[in-house]
Amino acid sequence: MATSTSDENNHEDEIRLWREDEWWIATDVETGVTTQGSSQRAALENLDDAVALQKGEAGREPTDEELREMGIDPKNNKTGNREPPDVLK
């Protein structure tokens, strides 16, 4: 199933939604971002979040306190001049 929606600027977004076994899979055609969920709604909500992250419209750097709570020393949490790993780009 594919759906199209338009925003206030008349940009059309195409989303493909299908079921595989027990999961619903949702793909944003423009970005190529794909997510899954146990229901259509969950897959689409996950897709909204993932596309926002991919476009830099959501997410933030963790605070030093949050890093410490996860057992990470903020002083040692630096990439220096190195590029971050591909998974973090």
Protein backbone atom coordinates (compact mmCIF):
# COMPACT_ATOMS: atom_id res chain seq x y z
CA MET A 1 0.00 0.00 0.00
CA ALA A 2 1.36 3.43 -0.87
CA THR A 3 -0.06 6.70 0.40
CA SER A 4 0.63 10.28 -0.56
CA THR A 5 0.11 13.36 1.55
CA SER A 6 0.65 17.05 0.87
CA ASP A 7 1.94 19.62 3.34
CA GLU A 8 1.21 23.34 3.45
CA ASN A 9 3.85 23.96 0.74
CA ASN A 10 2.26 21.40 -1.62
CA HIS A 11 5.18 19.00 -1.24
CA GLU A 12 3.97 15.46 -1.74
CA ASP A 13 5.29 12.73 0.50
CA GLU A 14 4.99 9.12 -0.58
CA ILE A 15 4.92 6.46 2.09
CA ARG A 16 4.87 2.75 1.38
CA LEU A 17 3.26 0.56 4.02
CA TRP A 18 3.09 -3.23 3.95
CA ARG A 19 2.93 -6.23 6.23
CA GLU A 20 5.63 -8.88 6.61
CA ASP A 21 4.75 -11.71 8.96
CA GLU A 22 3.79 -10.04 12.26
CA TRP A 23 5.26 -6.61 11.43
CA TRP A 24 4.11 -3.57 9.53
CA ILE A 25 6.87 -1.94 7.47
CA ALA A 26 6.77 1.75 6.52
CA THR A 27 9.15 3.48 4.09
CA ASP A 28 9.43 7.18 3.30
CA VAL A 29 10.22 7.12 -0.42
CA GLU A 30 11.97 10.52 -0.53
CA THR A 31 14.49 9.78 2.24
CA GLY A 32 14.63 5.99 1.98
CA VAL A 33 14.06 5.73 5.74
CA THR A 34 12.31 2.49 6.72
CA THR A 35 10.82 1.48 10.06
CA GLN A 36 8.60 -1.24 11.44
CA GLY A 37 5.92 -1.60 14.07
CA SER A 38 3.49 -4.12 15.46
CA SER A 39 0.60 -2.13 13.94
CA GLN A 40 0.14 0.27 11.03
CA ARG A 41 -0.05 3.16 13.47
CA ALA A 42 3.13 2.11 15.30
CA ALA A 43 5.06 1.73 12.03
CA LEU A 44 3.95 5.19 10.86
CA GLU A 45 4.72 6.82 14.22
CA ASN A 46 8.17 5.23 14.17
CA LEU A 47 8.63 6.50 10.61
CA ASP A 48 7.73 10.06 11.64
CA ASP A 49 10.35 9.94 14.40
CA ALA A 50 13.04 8.39 12.19
CA VAL A 51 12.52 10.86 9.32
CA ALA A 52 12.66 13.80 11.75
CA LEU A 53 15.96 12.47 13.13
CA GLN A 54 17.35 11.89 9.66
CA LYS A 55 16.45 15.46 8.63
CA GLY A 56 17.96 16.91 11.81
CA GLU A 57 14.58 18.09 13.07
CA ALA A 58 14.69 16.05 16.27
CA GLY A 59 17.20 14.72 18.72
CA ARG A 60 19.86 16.41 20.77
CA GLU A 61 23.25 15.78 22.33
CA PRO A 62 23.04 14.09 25.74
CA THR A 63 23.95 16.20 28.74
CA ASP A 64 27.00 15.35 30.84
CA GLU A 65 24.65 14.20 33.61
CA GLU A 66 22.82 11.85 31.23
CA LEU A 67 26.15 10.42 30.07
CA ARG A 68 27.22 9.80 33.66
CA GLU A 69 23.90 8.06 34.40
CA MET A 70 24.70 5.67 31.51
CA GLY A 71 28.17 5.01 32.92
CA ILE A 72 30.00 7.19 30.39
CA ASP A 73 32.63 9.68 31.51
CA PRO A 74 31.88 12.91 29.57
CA LYS A 75 35.60 13.80 29.53
CA ASN A 76 36.33 10.63 27.57
CA ASN A 77 33.36 11.02 25.23
CA LYS A 78 35.14 13.01 22.52
CA THR A 79 36.01 12.19 18.93
CA GLY A 80 38.74 14.85 18.79
CA ASN A 81 39.79 15.40 15.19
CA ARG A 82 38.49 12.01 14.14
CA GLU A 83 35.26 11.58 12.24
CA PRO A 84 32.49 9.83 14.18
CA PRO A 85 31.73 6.24 13.13
CA ASP A 86 29.40 5.81 10.14
CA VAL A 87 26.56 4.72 12.41
CA LEU A 88 26.62 8.16 14.08
CA LYS A 89 26.63 10.21 10.88
